[in-house]
Amino acid sequence: MTAQEFPGKGPRKERKENADKRRRQLLDATLRSVERNGLAKTTLATVANEAGLSQGVAVFYYKSKNGLLMAALEDLYLQYENHWRKALVSSGDTPKERLLALTDADFDESICNRASLSIWFAFWGEQNFTPQYASITQRFDNNRTEAIEKVCQELFPTEDRAKAQELSRWIDTLTDGYWQRMHLFPESCSREMAIKGARDFIERMLEPFPEHN
């Protein structure tokens, strides 16, 4: 291990920048390793090799394989949440436009692609055995569920909250289902098909309400 791999003496800002760079390298390398090797065969060694760093650097920053994987999953969710929040902020003024923006964001190529789907499903498949993964997933999923519920409540302001919750669950189930089909059957389920299917569902749900058409 070289001296440059650890935040040694030097200006504090430079040390922080170097540490942030190393963490970014390790997190990106972890996700690449999970995609290529799966969770079981991802190790501190495979991650260090992907990052072009020594294994000691991975241990220095994340202590263990589990600590590294938890950080990588949280980072994956942060990227996803930042993406859908940005889409929501930049959407149109009506609740319908905001709802369509949220569902479209789920299928953006930067978020939903073959590599990222492999990583998502690798982590989700281990949640029953690793409660820490489930805890991270629940925290971020709750944020998105609340955002969808809020938009659905704006669609039906005179209805009780149960209607908004029901519609938001349907949308979550639909988009999750398309992610699964795109992951397992990419030859028969394209991104365009998923976007159209989600949009068609929302349009049909809102057909009885002319104020949203």
Protein backbone atom coordinates (compact mmCIF):
# COMPACT_ATOMS: atom_id res chain seq x y z
CA MET A 1 0.00 0.00 0.00
CA THR A 2 1.38 3.38 -0.94
CA ALA A 3 1.44 6.43 1.28
CA GLN A 4 -0.84 8.26 -1.15
CA GLU A 5 -3.64 5.75 -0.55
CA PHE A 6 -4.19 6.97 2.99
CA PRO A 7 -5.21 10.50 4.01
CA GLY A 8 -1.85 11.44 5.51
CA LYS A 9 -0.32 14.78 6.19
CA GLY A 10 -1.26 17.70 4.01
CA PRO A 11 -3.93 20.37 3.77
CA ARG A 12 -7.23 19.29 5.30
CA LYS A 13 -9.19 20.11 2.14
CA GLU A 14 -6.82 18.01 0.05
CA ARG A 15 -7.12 15.08 2.45
CA LYS A 16 -10.91 15.26 2.33
CA GLU A 17 -10.93 15.44 -1.48
CA ASN A 18 -8.64 12.41 -1.65
CA ALA A 19 -10.83 10.50 0.82
CA ASP A 20 -14.00 11.38 -1.13
CA LYS A 21 -12.33 10.25 -4.35
CA ARG A 22 -11.31 6.91 -2.83
CA ARG A 23 -14.79 6.31 -1.46
CA ARG A 24 -16.31 7.11 -4.84
CA GLN A 25 -13.91 4.72 -6.55
CA LEU A 26 -14.76 1.97 -4.08
CA LEU A 27 -18.53 2.44 -4.29
CA ASP A 28 -18.52 2.43 -8.09
CA ALA A 29 -16.24 -0.61 -8.08
CA THR A 30 -18.54 -2.42 -5.66
CA LEU A 31 -21.52 -1.99 -7.95
CA ARG A 32 -19.49 -3.22 -10.93
CA SER A 33 -18.37 -6.25 -8.94
CA VAL A 34 -21.94 -7.07 -7.88
CA GLU A 35 -23.03 -6.86 -11.51
CA ARG A 36 -20.25 -9.17 -12.68
CA ASN A 37 -19.92 -11.55 -9.76
CA GLY A 38 -23.12 -11.34 -7.74
CA LEU A 39 -23.23 -10.52 -4.04
CA ALA A 40 -21.86 -13.83 -2.79
CA LYS A 41 -18.73 -13.66 -4.91
CA THR A 42 -18.14 -9.96 -4.38
CA THR A 43 -15.30 -9.55 -1.88
CA LEU A 44 -13.03 -6.79 -0.69
CA ALA A 45 -10.47 -8.21 -3.11
CA THR A 46 -12.78 -8.10 -6.16
CA VAL A 47 -13.80 -4.55 -5.29
CA ALA A 48 -10.22 -3.40 -4.79
CA ASN A 49 -9.27 -4.98 -8.11
CA GLU A 50 -12.16 -3.21 -9.88
CA ALA A 51 -11.14 0.09 -8.29
CA GLY A 52 -7.45 -0.32 -9.05
CA LEU A 53 -6.64 0.08 -5.35
CA SER A 54 -5.19 -2.18 -2.70
CA GLN A 55 -7.48 -4.27 -0.51
CA GLY A 56 -6.15 -2.39 2.50
CA VAL A 57 -7.72 0.83 1.23
CA ALA A 58 -11.14 -0.84 1.10
CA VAL A 59 -10.67 -2.07 4.67
CA PHE A 60 -9.51 1.38 5.80
CA TYR A 61 -12.66 3.11 4.55
CA TYR A 62 -15.36 0.45 5.00
CA LYS A 63 -13.93 -2.05 7.53
CA SER A 64 -15.66 -5.11 6.07
CA LYS A 65 -17.40 -6.51 3.01
CA ASN A 66 -20.80 -5.99 4.63
CA GLY A 67 -19.99 -2.39 5.45
CA LEU A 68 -18.95 -1.79 1.85
CA LEU A 69 -22.06 -3.44 0.42
CA MET A 70 -24.36 -1.48 2.72
CA ALA A 71 -22.68 1.77 1.68
CA ALA A 72 -22.98 0.81 -1.99
CA LEU A 73 -26.69 0.01 -1.66
CA GLU A 74 -27.34 3.32 0.12
CA ASP A 75 -25.40 5.13 -2.59
CA LEU A 76 -27.46 3.38 -5.27
CA TYR A 77 -30.65 4.51 -3.58
CA LEU A 78 -29.37 8.06 -3.19
CA GLN A 79 -28.69 8.27 -6.91
CA TYR A 80 -32.17 6.91 -7.61
CA GLU A 81 -33.87 9.29 -5.17
CA ASN A 82 -31.98 12.32 -6.44
CA HIS A 83 -33.10 11.34 -9.95
CA TRP A 84 -36.83 11.05 -9.22
CA ARG A 85 -36.84 14.15 -7.01
CA LYS A 86 -35.23 16.15 -9.80
CA ALA A 87 -37.83 14.82 -12.26
CA LEU A 88 -40.61 15.81 -9.86
CA VAL A 89 -39.28 19.35 -9.40
CA SER A 90 -38.86 19.91 -13.13
CA SER A 91 -42.26 18.44 -14.08
CA GLY A 92 -45.39 20.35 -15.04
CA ASP A 93 -47.79 22.15 -12.73
CA THR A 94 -50.63 19.62 -12.60
CA PRO A 95 -50.77 16.51 -10.38
CA LYS A 96 -51.13 14.34 -13.48
CA GLU A 97 -47.95 15.77 -15.01
CA ARG A 98 -46.09 15.19 -11.75
CA LEU A 99 -47.32 11.60 -11.55
CA LEU A 100 -46.26 10.91 -15.13
CA ALA A 101 -42.88 12.48 -14.42
CA LEU A 102 -42.38 10.14 -11.46
CA THR A 103 -43.24 7.02 -13.45
CA ASP A 104 -41.20 8.10 -16.48
CA ALA A 105 -38.21 8.68 -14.21
CA ASP A 106 -38.30 5.03 -13.16
CA PHE A 107 -37.49 3.98 -16.71
CA ASP A 108 -34.86 6.55 -17.59
CA GLU A 109 -31.84 4.80 -19.09
CA SER A 110 -29.50 6.25 -16.48
CA ILE A 111 -31.53 4.51 -13.75
CA CYS A 112 -33.08 1.52 -15.46
CA ASN A 113 -30.59 -0.43 -17.59
CA ARG A 114 -29.34 -3.99 -17.74
CA ALA A 115 -26.44 -3.38 -15.37
CA SER A 116 -28.44 -1.47 -12.74
CA LEU A 117 -31.31 -3.96 -12.79
CA SER A 118 -28.87 -6.81 -12.12
CA ILE A 119 -27.53 -4.91 -9.13
CA TRP A 120 -30.97 -4.00 -7.74
CA PHE A 121 -32.24 -7.56 -7.90
CA ALA A 122 -29.03 -8.95 -6.42
CA PHE A 123 -29.56 -6.81 -3.31
CA TRP A 124 -33.30 -7.39 -3.13
CA GLY A 125 -32.78 -11.14 -3.32
CA GLU A 126 -30.71 -11.02 -0.12
CA GLN A 127 -32.99 -8.87 2.00
CA ASN A 128 -34.51 -11.78 3.90
CA PHE A 129 -31.02 -12.83 4.97
CA THR A 130 -29.49 -9.39 5.55
CA PRO A 131 -31.81 -7.15 7.57
CA GLN A 132 -29.52 -4.16 7.00
CA TYR A 133 -30.36 -4.23 3.29
CA ALA A 134 -34.08 -4.36 4.06
CA SER A 135 -33.74 -1.40 6.42
CA ILE A 136 -32.04 0.74 3.77
CA THR A 137 -34.60 -0.27 1.15
CA GLN A 138 -37.56 0.51 3.41
CA ARG A 139 -36.22 3.95 4.30
CA PHE A 140 -35.80 5.04 0.70
CA ASP A 141 -38.94 3.30 -0.55
CA ASN A 142 -40.95 5.14 2.10
CA ASN A 143 -39.70 8.46 0.72
CA ARG A 144 -40.86 7.62 -2.78
CA THR A 145 -44.17 6.16 -1.58
CA GLU A 146 -44.89 9.36 0.33
CA ALA A 147 -44.12 11.44 -2.76
CA ILE A 148 -46.46 9.37 -4.94
CA GLU A 149 -49.19 9.41 -2.30
CA LYS A 150 -48.96 13.19 -2.06
CA VAL A 151 -49.43 13.58 -5.81
CA CYS A 152 -52.31 11.08 -5.82
CA GLN A 153 -53.97 12.99 -3.00
CA GLU A 154 -53.71 16.14 -5.11
CA LEU A 155 -55.47 14.26 -7.90
CA PHE A 156 -58.39 13.41 -5.61
CA PRO A 157 -58.46 16.14 -2.95
CA THR A 158 -62.03 15.36 -1.87
CA GLU A 159 -61.36 11.66 -1.33
CA ASP A 160 -59.93 10.11 1.81
CA ARG A 161 -56.25 9.22 2.02
CA ALA A 162 -56.97 5.53 1.45
CA LYS A 163 -57.74 6.18 -2.22
CA ALA A 164 -54.40 7.93 -2.74
CA GLN A 165 -52.60 5.13 -0.92
CA GLU A 166 -54.33 2.51 -3.03
CA LEU A 167 -53.44 4.22 -6.30
CA SER A 168 -49.83 4.74 -5.22
CA ARG A 169 -49.53 1.02 -4.36
CA TRP A 170 -50.86 0.10 -7.78
CA ILE A 171 -48.31 2.36 -9.46
CA ASP A 172 -45.47 0.96 -7.36
CA THR A 173 -46.54 -2.59 -8.16
CA LEU A 174 -46.79 -1.79 -11.86
CA THR A 175 -43.37 -0.15 -12.15
CA ASP A 176 -41.74 -2.87 -10.03
CA GLY A 177 -43.31 -5.47 -12.28
CA TYR A 178 -41.93 -3.81 -15.39
CA TRP A 179 -38.46 -3.67 -13.79
CA GLN A 180 -38.69 -7.40 -13.13
CA ARG A 181 -39.80 -8.19 -16.67
CA MET A 182 -37.07 -5.99 -18.15
CA HIS A 183 -34.53 -7.80 -15.96
CA LEU A 184 -35.72 -11.36 -16.66
CA PHE A 185 -37.08 -11.00 -20.19
CA PRO A 186 -35.29 -8.04 -21.84
CA GLU A 187 -35.97 -9.43 -25.30
CA SER A 188 -39.73 -9.13 -24.83
CA CYS A 189 -40.03 -6.12 -22.51
CA SER A 190 -38.39 -2.90 -23.62
CA ARG A 191 -38.06 0.45 -21.88
CA GLU A 192 -40.48 1.99 -24.36
CA MET A 193 -43.02 -0.73 -23.61
CA ALA A 194 -42.72 -0.11 -19.88
CA ILE A 195 -43.15 3.66 -20.23
CA LYS A 196 -46.17 3.23 -22.49
CA GLY A 197 -47.72 0.65 -20.17
CA ALA A 198 -47.33 2.83 -17.10
CA ARG A 199 -48.66 5.90 -18.88
CA ASP A 200 -51.62 3.96 -20.31
CA PHE A 201 -52.48 2.71 -16.83
CA ILE A 202 -52.50 6.23 -15.39
CA GLU A 203 -54.57 7.55 -18.30
CA ARG A 204 -57.16 4.80 -17.82
CA MET A 205 -57.29 5.39 -14.08
CA LEU A 206 -58.05 9.06 -14.72
CA GLU A 207 -60.58 8.56 -17.56
CA PRO A 208 -63.61 8.94 -15.26
CA PHE A 209 -62.25 12.30 -14.07
CA PRO A 210 -62.47 14.82 -16.93
CA GLU A 211 -60.70 17.50 -14.89
CA HIS A 212 -57.49 15.46 -15.30
CA ASN A 213 -57.83 14.82 -19.05
